[in-house]
Amino acid sequence: MKTLMVLDFDHTVVDDNSDTCLPSQTLPDALRGSYRRGHWTEFMCRVLSYIGQRSPSCPPTPNPPQPLYSLLFLCPGEQRVGPEEVRGVMETLPLTPGMRELLTFVAAHKNLVDCIVISDSNAVFIDWILGGAGLRAAVDQVFTNPAMFNQLGYLEVAPHHTHSCSRCPVNLCKRAVLECYLSGRGTADMEYRQVIYVGDGGNDLCPTACLSERDVAMPRKGYALEKLLGGSAPIRARVVPWSSGADVLEQLRASLEA
């Protein structure tokens, strides 16, 4: 039976928030103040739209499509921030120390370990970052907000799903995603011997509640999830804090050797 490694992305795989690492821009106060708790992705779509908006010399696109959440307007040679500039930033984001070694180990042991990412970032940014690091082969599946460039050169970003969980952002409940993924394993011979959940933020608390006694929840030291798991949050899994990917790799090796 395999072990499942579940990874958050921002402040876990990468040592930053990919959404806030866009090329430097000064945002208007009205835009900065438009964020509502639980609606981060919706807010970031407005930011993307703002930094990519057309200059006056760039002719408008006739009959532009309606946004899913929002659109990043791209006009070659005229945009404030073009796709290649954003991609260049994403591909050079620093990984959290030890994460390259962890994911390299996972990629070399796919007969023993499955690895999925559940993130409130977006599919384009995550693909660029993993591709730039040469680590796509380590990750079997990514669950995040879908995004793609359409034929007009717009980046469309949509919510991952809808859900009824009152504790999670409106666009993504990581517990619902994890439970759906595990239930899809179907027969007993496809079940995992252990799930290791690695994250850092408040939105990583909900999925830890569905872990079993044989599983491991790994909150990053000094981040919100560690504090939440140290409080009154009900959880059956063993809690093992981490500060670098080396700690996670050590836990994974121990799991495989048990």
C-alpha atoms as a PDB file:
ATOM      1  CA  MET A   1       0.000   0.000   0.000  1.00  0.00           C
ATOM      2  CA  LYS A   2       1.258   3.444  -0.896  1.00  0.00           C
ATOM      3  CA  THR A   3       1.683   6.539   1.251  1.00  0.00           C
ATOM      4  CA  LEU A   4      -0.092   9.723   0.142  1.00  0.00           C
ATOM      5  CA  MET A   5       1.749  13.015   0.513  1.00  0.00           C
ATOM      6  CA  VAL A   6      -0.617  16.006   0.454  1.00  0.00           C
ATOM      7  CA  LEU A   7       1.045  19.386   0.041  1.00  0.00           C
ATOM      8  CA  ASP A   8      -0.198  22.917   0.345  1.00  0.00           C
ATOM      9  CA  PHE A   9       1.727  25.174  -2.064  1.00  0.00           C
ATOM     10  CA  ASP A  10       2.301  28.767  -0.913  1.00  0.00           C
ATOM     11  CA  HIS A  11       4.554  28.947   2.157  1.00  0.00           C
ATOM     12  CA  THR A  12       4.918  25.176   1.899  1.00  0.00           C
ATOM     13  CA  VAL A  13       6.402  24.130  -1.442  1.00  0.00           C
ATOM     14  CA  VAL A  14       7.435  27.698  -2.236  1.00  0.00           C
ATOM     15  CA  ASP A  15       8.717  29.932   0.535  1.00  0.00           C
ATOM     16  CA  ASP A  16       6.340  32.776  -0.301  1.00  0.00           C
ATOM     17  CA  ASN A  17       2.840  33.538  -1.507  1.00  0.00           C
ATOM     18  CA  SER A  18       2.814  33.199  -5.290  1.00  0.00           C
ATOM     19  CA  ASP A  19      -0.165  35.561  -5.544  1.00  0.00           C
ATOM     20  CA  THR A  20       1.759  38.409  -3.902  1.00  0.00           C
ATOM     21  CA  CYS A  21       4.991  37.845  -5.849  1.00  0.00           C
ATOM     22  CA  LEU A  22       3.738  39.446  -9.026  1.00  0.00           C
ATOM     23  CA  PRO A  23       5.970  42.090 -10.659  1.00  0.00           C
ATOM     24  CA  SER A  24       6.030  45.212  -8.505  1.00  0.00           C
ATOM     25  CA  GLN A  25       2.970  47.407  -8.836  1.00  0.00           C
ATOM     26  CA  THR A  26       1.440  50.131  -6.665  1.00  0.00           C
ATOM     27  CA  LEU A  27      -2.191  49.259  -6.064  1.00  0.00           C
ATOM     28  CA  PRO A  28      -4.837  51.950  -5.501  1.00  0.00           C
ATOM     29  CA  ASP A  29      -6.161  52.194  -1.955  1.00  0.00           C
ATOM     30  CA  ALA A  30      -9.647  51.288  -3.155  1.00  0.00           C
ATOM     31  CA  LEU A  31      -8.322  48.057  -4.636  1.00  0.00           C
ATOM     32  CA  ARG A  32      -6.250  47.212  -1.560  1.00  0.00           C
ATOM     33  CA  GLY A  33      -9.289  47.788   0.616  1.00  0.00           C
ATOM     34  CA  SER A  34     -11.607  45.612  -1.457  1.00  0.00           C
ATOM     35  CA  TYR A  35     -10.496  42.302   0.096  1.00  0.00           C
ATOM     36  CA  ARG A  36     -13.157  40.410   2.055  1.00  0.00           C
ATOM     37  CA  ARG A  37     -12.253  37.598   4.427  1.00  0.00           C
ATOM     38  CA  GLY A  38     -12.678  34.241   2.696  1.00  0.00           C
ATOM     39  CA  HIS A  39     -12.630  35.824  -0.781  1.00  0.00           C
ATOM     40  CA  TRP A  40      -8.859  35.962  -1.473  1.00  0.00           C
ATOM     41  CA  THR A  41      -9.055  34.465  -4.965  1.00  0.00           C
ATOM     42  CA  GLU A  42     -11.755  36.924  -5.970  1.00  0.00           C
ATOM     43  CA  PHE A  43      -9.534  39.753  -4.681  1.00  0.00           C
ATOM     44  CA  MET A  44      -6.479  38.457  -6.556  1.00  0.00           C
ATOM     45  CA  CYS A  45      -8.440  38.345  -9.775  1.00  0.00           C
ATOM     46  CA  ARG A  46      -9.132  42.072  -9.390  1.00  0.00           C
ATOM     47  CA  VAL A  47      -5.406  42.603  -8.791  1.00  0.00           C
ATOM     48  CA  LEU A  48      -4.506  40.604 -11.908  1.00  0.00           C
ATOM     49  CA  SER A  49      -6.985  42.603 -13.921  1.00  0.00           C
ATOM     50  CA  TYR A  50      -5.520  45.865 -12.637  1.00  0.00           C
ATOM     51  CA  ILE A  51      -1.833  45.116 -13.267  1.00  0.00           C
ATOM     52  CA  GLY A  52      -2.552  43.790 -16.721  1.00  0.00           C
ATOM     53  CA  GLN A  53      -4.974  46.461 -17.889  1.00  0.00           C
ATOM     54  CA  ARG A  54      -4.398  48.013 -21.282  1.00  0.00           C
ATOM     55  CA  SER A  55      -2.674  51.286 -21.906  1.00  0.00           C
ATOM     56  CA  PRO A  56      -4.664  53.981 -23.762  1.00  0.00           C
ATOM     57  CA  SER A  57      -2.791  53.205 -26.987  1.00  0.00           C
ATOM     58  CA  CYS A  58      -3.898  49.601 -27.012  1.00  0.00           C
ATOM     59  CA  PRO A  59      -7.195  49.168 -28.863  1.00  0.00           C
ATOM     60  CA  PRO A  60      -9.962  47.411 -26.951  1.00  0.00           C
ATOM     61  CA  THR A  61     -10.830  43.839 -27.842  1.00  0.00           C
ATOM     62  CA  PRO A  62     -14.212  43.707 -29.589  1.00  0.00           C
ATOM     63  CA  ASN A  63     -16.876  41.893 -27.585  1.00  0.00           C
ATOM     64  CA  PRO A  64     -14.585  40.643 -24.817  1.00  0.00           C
ATOM     65  CA  PRO A  65     -15.847  37.538 -22.987  1.00  0.00           C
ATOM     66  CA  GLN A  66     -17.408  37.838 -19.568  1.00  0.00           C
ATOM     67  CA  PRO A  67     -15.020  36.984 -16.747  1.00  0.00           C
ATOM     68  CA  LEU A  68     -15.334  33.883 -14.607  1.00  0.00           C
ATOM     69  CA  TYR A  69     -13.800  35.676 -11.661  1.00  0.00           C
ATOM     70  CA  SER A  70     -11.814  38.277 -13.546  1.00  0.00           C
ATOM     71  CA  LEU A  71      -9.523  38.612 -16.535  1.00  0.00           C
ATOM     72  CA  LEU A  72      -5.877  39.486 -16.964  1.00  0.00           C
ATOM     73  CA  PHE A  73      -5.867  41.743 -20.022  1.00  0.00           C
ATOM     74  CA  LEU A  74      -2.898  41.076 -22.284  1.00  0.00           C
ATOM     75  CA  CYS A  75      -2.028  43.122 -25.370  1.00  0.00           C
ATOM     76  CA  PRO A  76       1.472  42.343 -26.748  1.00  0.00           C
ATOM     77  CA  GLY A  77       3.808  45.295 -26.333  1.00  0.00           C
ATOM     78  CA  GLU A  78       1.231  47.415 -24.535  1.00  0.00           C
ATOM     79  CA  GLN A  79       0.336  45.653 -21.286  1.00  0.00           C
ATOM     80  CA  ARG A  80       1.598  46.888 -17.949  1.00  0.00           C
ATOM     81  CA  VAL A  81       2.612  43.337 -17.052  1.00  0.00           C
ATOM     82  CA  GLY A  82       2.737  40.652 -19.720  1.00  0.00           C
ATOM     83  CA  PRO A  83       2.490  36.879 -19.315  1.00  0.00           C
ATOM     84  CA  GLU A  84       6.192  36.247 -19.891  1.00  0.00           C
ATOM     85  CA  GLU A  85       7.146  38.742 -17.200  1.00  0.00           C
ATOM     86  CA  VAL A  86       4.807  37.080 -14.723  1.00  0.00           C
ATOM     87  CA  ARG A  87       6.040  33.640 -15.785  1.00  0.00           C
ATOM     88  CA  GLY A  88       9.639  34.722 -15.285  1.00  0.00           C
ATOM     89  CA  VAL A  89       8.854  35.724 -11.714  1.00  0.00           C
ATOM     90  CA  MET A  90       7.005  32.475 -10.989  1.00  0.00           C
ATOM     91  CA  GLU A  91       9.730  30.248 -12.411  1.00  0.00           C
ATOM     92  CA  THR A  92      12.343  31.819 -10.145  1.00  0.00           C
ATOM     93  CA  LEU A  93      10.368  31.834  -6.879  1.00  0.00           C
ATOM     94  CA  PRO A  94      12.515  30.218  -4.175  1.00  0.00           C
ATOM     95  CA  LEU A  95      11.377  26.851  -2.911  1.00  0.00           C
ATOM     96  CA  THR A  96      11.136  26.354   0.829  1.00  0.00           C
ATOM     97  CA  PRO A  97      14.469  24.923   2.039  1.00  0.00           C
ATOM     98  CA  GLY A  98      14.528  21.146   1.650  1.00  0.00           C
ATOM     99  CA  MET A  99      11.480  20.981  -0.615  1.00  0.00           C
ATOM    100  CA  ARG A 100      13.516  20.267  -3.741  1.00  0.00           C
ATOM    101  CA  GLU A 101      15.112  17.286  -2.018  1.00  0.00           C
ATOM    102  CA  LEU A 102      11.725  16.098  -0.745  1.00  0.00           C
ATOM    103  CA  LEU A 103      10.066  16.277  -4.145  1.00  0.00           C
ATOM    104  CA  THR A 104      13.071  14.741  -5.883  1.00  0.00           C
ATOM    105  CA  PHE A 105      12.792  11.797  -3.465  1.00  0.00           C
ATOM    106  CA  VAL A 106       9.060  11.510  -4.147  1.00  0.00           C
ATOM    107  CA  ALA A 107       9.631  11.537  -7.914  1.00  0.00           C
ATOM    108  CA  ALA A 108      12.164   8.713  -7.557  1.00  0.00           C
ATOM    109  CA  HIS A 109       9.810   6.569  -5.445  1.00  0.00           C
ATOM    110  CA  LYS A 110       6.499   6.755  -7.281  1.00  0.00           C
ATOM    111  CA  ASN A 111       5.999   3.044  -6.640  1.00  0.00           C
ATOM    112  CA  LEU A 112       5.714   3.898  -2.935  1.00  0.00           C
ATOM    113  CA  VAL A 113       4.413   7.467  -2.768  1.00  0.00           C
ATOM    114  CA  ASP A 114       1.631   9.410  -4.430  1.00  0.00           C
ATOM    115  CA  CYS A 115       1.785  13.182  -4.123  1.00  0.00           C
ATOM    116  CA  ILE A 116      -0.997  15.713  -4.629  1.00  0.00           C
ATOM    117  CA  VAL A 117      -1.140  19.486  -4.187  1.00  0.00           C
ATOM    118  CA  ILE A 118      -4.232  21.217  -2.803  1.00  0.00           C
ATOM    119  CA  SER A 119      -3.826  24.982  -3.078  1.00  0.00           C
ATOM    120  CA  ASP A 120      -5.763  28.230  -3.243  1.00  0.00           C
ATOM    121  CA  SER A 121      -3.340  29.569  -5.848  1.00  0.00           C
ATOM    122  CA  ASN A 122      -4.138  28.832  -9.513  1.00  0.00           C
ATOM    123  CA  ALA A 123      -3.248  26.191 -12.065  1.00  0.00           C
ATOM    124  CA  VAL A 124      -1.113  28.428 -14.288  1.00  0.00           C
ATOM    125  CA  PHE A 125       1.115  29.747 -11.497  1.00  0.00           C
ATOM    126  CA  ILE A 126       1.633  26.294  -9.959  1.00  0.00           C
ATOM    127  CA  ASP A 127       2.463  24.730 -13.320  1.00  0.00           C
ATOM    128  CA  TRP A 128       4.986  27.481 -14.079  1.00  0.00           C
ATOM    129  CA  ILE A 129       6.637  27.124 -10.665  1.00  0.00           C
ATOM    130  CA  LEU A 130       6.869  23.326 -10.739  1.00  0.00           C
ATOM    131  CA  GLY A 131       8.048  23.427 -14.339  1.00  0.00           C
ATOM    132  CA  GLY A 132      10.682  26.051 -13.602  1.00  0.00           C
ATOM    133  CA  ALA A 133      11.984  23.907 -10.739  1.00  0.00           C
ATOM    134  CA  GLY A 134      11.930  20.746 -12.849  1.00  0.00           C
ATOM    135  CA  LEU A 135       9.613  19.040 -10.356  1.00  0.00           C
ATOM    136  CA  ARG A 136       6.410  18.362 -12.306  1.00  0.00           C
ATOM    137  CA  ALA A 137       7.099  14.603 -12.234  1.00  0.00           C
ATOM    138  CA  ALA A 138       6.871  14.537  -8.433  1.00  0.00           C
ATOM    139  CA  VAL A 139       3.234  15.673  -8.321  1.00  0.00           C
ATOM    140  CA  ASP A 140       0.507  13.325  -9.508  1.00  0.00           C
ATOM    141  CA  GLN A 141      -2.371  15.782  -9.352  1.00  0.00           C
ATOM    142  CA  VAL A 142      -2.965  19.438  -8.548  1.00  0.00           C
ATOM    143  CA  PHE A 143      -6.256  20.651  -7.069  1.00  0.00           C
ATOM    144  CA  THR A 144      -6.478  24.424  -7.304  1.00  0.00           C
ATOM    145  CA  ASN A 145      -8.390  27.236  -8.972  1.00  0.00           C
ATOM    146  CA  PRO A 146      -8.423  26.534 -12.720  1.00  0.00           C
ATOM    147  CA  ALA A 147      -6.812  29.154 -14.932  1.00  0.00           C
ATOM    148  CA  MET A 148      -5.934  29.352 -18.596  1.00  0.00           C
ATOM    149  CA  PHE A 149      -5.150  31.827 -21.333  1.00  0.00           C
ATOM    150  CA  ASN A 150      -7.943  31.993 -23.859  1.00  0.00           C
ATOM    151  CA  GLN A 151      -7.596  32.716 -27.576  1.00  0.00           C
ATOM    152  CA  LEU A 152      -7.804  36.460 -26.944  1.00  0.00           C
ATOM    153  CA  GLY A 153      -4.848  36.379 -24.581  1.00  0.00           C
ATOM    154  CA  TYR A 154      -6.844  36.739 -21.383  1.00  0.00           C
ATOM    155  CA  LEU A 155      -5.981  34.744 -18.272  1.00  0.00           C
ATOM    156  CA  GLU A 156      -9.261  33.344 -16.961  1.00  0.00           C
ATOM    157  CA  VAL A 157      -9.377  32.247 -13.327  1.00  0.00           C
ATOM    158  CA  ALA A 158     -12.321  30.394 -11.833  1.00  0.00           C
ATOM    159  CA  PRO A 159     -13.130  29.059  -8.363  1.00  0.00           C
ATOM    160  CA  HIS A 160     -12.127  25.439  -7.837  1.00  0.00           C
ATOM    161  CA  HIS A 161     -15.626  24.433  -6.753  1.00  0.00           C
ATOM    162  CA  THR A 162     -18.598  25.413  -4.644  1.00  0.00           C
ATOM    163  CA  HIS A 163     -19.133  23.934  -1.192  1.00  0.00           C
ATOM    164  CA  SER A 164     -21.137  24.329   2.007  1.00  0.00           C
ATOM    165  CA  CYS A 165     -18.265  24.506   4.524  1.00  0.00           C
ATOM    166  CA  SER A 166     -18.563  27.665   6.613  1.00  0.00           C
ATOM    167  CA  ARG A 167     -14.928  27.522   7.760  1.00  0.00           C
ATOM    168  CA  CYS A 168     -13.256  27.685   4.357  1.00  0.00           C
ATOM    169  CA  PRO A 169     -12.858  30.285   1.584  1.00  0.00           C
ATOM    170  CA  VAL A 170     -15.866  30.317  -0.727  1.00  0.00           C
ATOM    171  CA  ASN A 171     -13.906  28.924  -3.668  1.00  0.00           C
ATOM    172  CA  LEU A 172     -12.103  26.009  -1.998  1.00  0.00           C
ATOM    173  CA  CYS A 173     -12.644  23.610   0.893  1.00  0.00           C
ATOM    174  CA  LYS A 174      -9.524  21.478   1.091  1.00  0.00           C
ATOM    175  CA  ARG A 175     -11.263  18.864   3.239  1.00  0.00           C
ATOM    176  CA  ALA A 176     -13.923  18.347   0.575  1.00  0.00           C
ATOM    177  CA  VAL A 177     -11.209  17.940  -2.051  1.00  0.00           C
ATOM    178  CA  LEU A 178      -9.208  15.473   0.036  1.00  0.00           C
ATOM    179  CA  GLU A 179     -12.245  13.421   1.021  1.00  0.00           C
ATOM    180  CA  CYS A 180     -13.368  13.246  -2.610  1.00  0.00           C
ATOM    181  CA  TYR A 181      -9.902  12.175  -3.732  1.00  0.00           C
ATOM    182  CA  LEU A 182      -9.651   9.457  -1.072  1.00  0.00           C
ATOM    183  CA  SER A 183     -13.146   8.147  -1.763  1.00  0.00           C
ATOM    184  CA  GLY A 184     -12.211   7.885  -5.420  1.00  0.00           C
ATOM    185  CA  ARG A 185      -9.576   5.315  -4.547  1.00  0.00           C
ATOM    186  CA  GLY A 186     -12.453   2.843  -4.421  1.00  0.00           C
ATOM    187  CA  THR A 187     -11.443  -0.706  -3.513  1.00  0.00           C
ATOM    188  CA  ALA A 188      -9.434  -1.668  -0.432  1.00  0.00           C
ATOM    189  CA  ASP A 189      -6.343  -2.572  -2.445  1.00  0.00           C
ATOM    190  CA  MET A 190      -6.156   1.034  -3.616  1.00  0.00           C
ATOM    191  CA  GLU A 191      -6.306   2.562  -0.143  1.00  0.00           C
ATOM    192  CA  TYR A 192      -3.318   4.371   1.319  1.00  0.00           C
ATOM    193  CA  ARG A 193      -1.457   2.985   4.293  1.00  0.00           C
ATOM    194  CA  GLN A 194      -0.945   6.538   5.544  1.00  0.00           C
ATOM    195  CA  VAL A 195      -1.704  10.135   4.587  1.00  0.00           C
ATOM    196  CA  ILE A 196       0.852  12.828   5.419  1.00  0.00           C
ATOM    197  CA  TYR A 197      -0.671  16.311   5.195  1.00  0.00           C
ATOM    198  CA  VAL A 198       1.814  19.206   4.992  1.00  0.00           C
ATOM    199  CA  GLY A 199       0.652  22.816   5.234  1.00  0.00           C
ATOM    200  CA  ASP A 200       0.933  26.133   7.002  1.00  0.00           C
ATOM    201  CA  GLY A 201      -2.221  28.239   6.898  1.00  0.00           C
ATOM    202  CA  GLY A 202      -5.667  28.480   8.417  1.00  0.00           C
ATOM    203  CA  ASN A 203      -7.273  26.891   5.360  1.00  0.00           C
ATOM    204  CA  ASP A 204      -5.187  23.760   6.013  1.00  0.00           C
ATOM    205  CA  LEU A 205      -6.996  23.110   9.299  1.00  0.00           C
ATOM    206  CA  CYS A 206     -10.216  21.780   7.787  1.00  0.00           C
ATOM    207  CA  PRO A 207      -8.605  18.867   5.872  1.00  0.00           C
ATOM    208  CA  THR A 208      -6.646  17.712   8.922  1.00  0.00           C
ATOM    209  CA  ALA A 209      -9.976  16.965  10.620  1.00  0.00           C
ATOM    210  CA  CYS A 210     -10.639  14.097   8.194  1.00  0.00           C
ATOM    211  CA  LEU A 211      -7.297  12.368   8.843  1.00  0.00           C
ATOM    212  CA  SER A 212      -7.280   9.094  10.771  1.00  0.00           C
ATOM    213  CA  GLU A 213      -5.211   7.877  13.724  1.00  0.00           C
ATOM    214  CA  ARG A 214      -2.642   6.345  11.394  1.00  0.00           C
ATOM    215  CA  ASP A 215      -2.112   9.616   9.492  1.00  0.00           C
ATOM    216  CA  VAL A 216       0.214  12.554  10.148  1.00  0.00           C
ATOM    217  CA  ALA A 217      -0.599  16.270  10.098  1.00  0.00           C
ATOM    218  CA  MET A 218       2.497  18.434   9.601  1.00  0.00           C
ATOM    219  CA  PRO A 219       2.019  22.169  10.342  1.00  0.00           C
ATOM    220  CA  ARG A 220       4.865  24.545   9.530  1.00  0.00           C
ATOM    221  CA  LYS A 221       6.497  25.892  12.669  1.00  0.00           C
ATOM    222  CA  GLY A 222       5.598  29.503  13.426  1.00  0.00           C
ATOM    223  CA  TYR A 223       2.614  29.599  11.065  1.00  0.00           C
ATOM    224  CA  ALA A 224      -1.136  29.685  11.654  1.00  0.00           C
ATOM    225  CA  LEU A 225      -1.802  25.963  11.292  1.00  0.00           C
ATOM    226  CA  GLU A 226       0.614  25.057  14.086  1.00  0.00           C
ATOM    227  CA  LYS A 227      -1.189  27.404  16.468  1.00  0.00           C
ATOM    228  CA  LEU A 228      -4.612  26.122  15.445  1.00  0.00           C
ATOM    229  CA  LEU A 229      -3.630  22.475  15.904  1.00  0.00           C
ATOM    230  CA  GLY A 230      -2.135  23.337  19.276  1.00  0.00           C
ATOM    231  CA  GLY A 231      -5.475  24.682  20.448  1.00  0.00           C
ATOM    232  CA  SER A 232      -8.791  22.930  20.761  1.00  0.00           C
ATOM    233  CA  ALA A 233      -9.106  21.777  17.144  1.00  0.00           C
ATOM    234  CA  PRO A 234     -10.328  18.139  17.107  1.00  0.00           C
ATOM    235  CA  ILE A 235      -7.887  15.949  15.230  1.00  0.00           C
ATOM    236  CA  ARG A 236      -7.107  12.232  15.359  1.00  0.00           C
ATOM    237  CA  ALA A 237      -3.871  12.292  13.362  1.00  0.00           C
ATOM    238  CA  ARG A 238      -0.451  12.595  14.957  1.00  0.00           C
ATOM    239  CA  VAL A 239       0.862  16.169  14.759  1.00  0.00           C
ATOM    240  CA  VAL A 240       4.495  16.617  13.694  1.00  0.00           C
ATOM    241  CA  PRO A 241       5.584  20.246  13.118  1.00  0.00           C
ATOM    242  CA  TRP A 242       8.135  21.002  10.398  1.00  0.00           C
ATOM    243  CA  SER A 243      10.480  23.863   9.579  1.00  0.00           C
ATOM    244  CA  SER A 244      12.061  22.606   6.356  1.00  0.00           C
ATOM    245  CA  GLY A 245      11.471  20.010   3.696  1.00  0.00           C
ATOM    246  CA  ALA A 246      14.150  17.908   5.393  1.00  0.00           C
ATOM    247  CA  ASP A 247      11.782  17.405   8.340  1.00  0.00           C
ATOM    248  CA  VAL A 248       9.030  16.261   5.988  1.00  0.00           C
ATOM    249  CA  LEU A 249      11.409  13.936   4.144  1.00  0.00           C
ATOM    250  CA  GLU A 250      12.501  12.425   7.456  1.00  0.00           C
ATOM    251  CA  GLN A 251       8.870  11.726   8.356  1.00  0.00           C
ATOM    252  CA  LEU A 252       8.187  10.261   4.911  1.00  0.00           C
ATOM    253  CA  ARG A 253      11.219   7.959   5.126  1.00  0.00           C
ATOM    254  CA  ALA A 254      10.090   6.800   8.572  1.00  0.00           C
ATOM    255  CA  SER A 255       6.625   6.074   7.198  1.00  0.00           C
ATOM    256  CA  LEU A 256       8.009   4.017   4.332  1.00  0.00           C
ATOM    257  CA  GLU A 257      10.310   2.054   6.631  1.00  0.00           C
ATOM    258  CA  ALA A 258       7.634   1.305   9.241  1.00  0.00           C
END
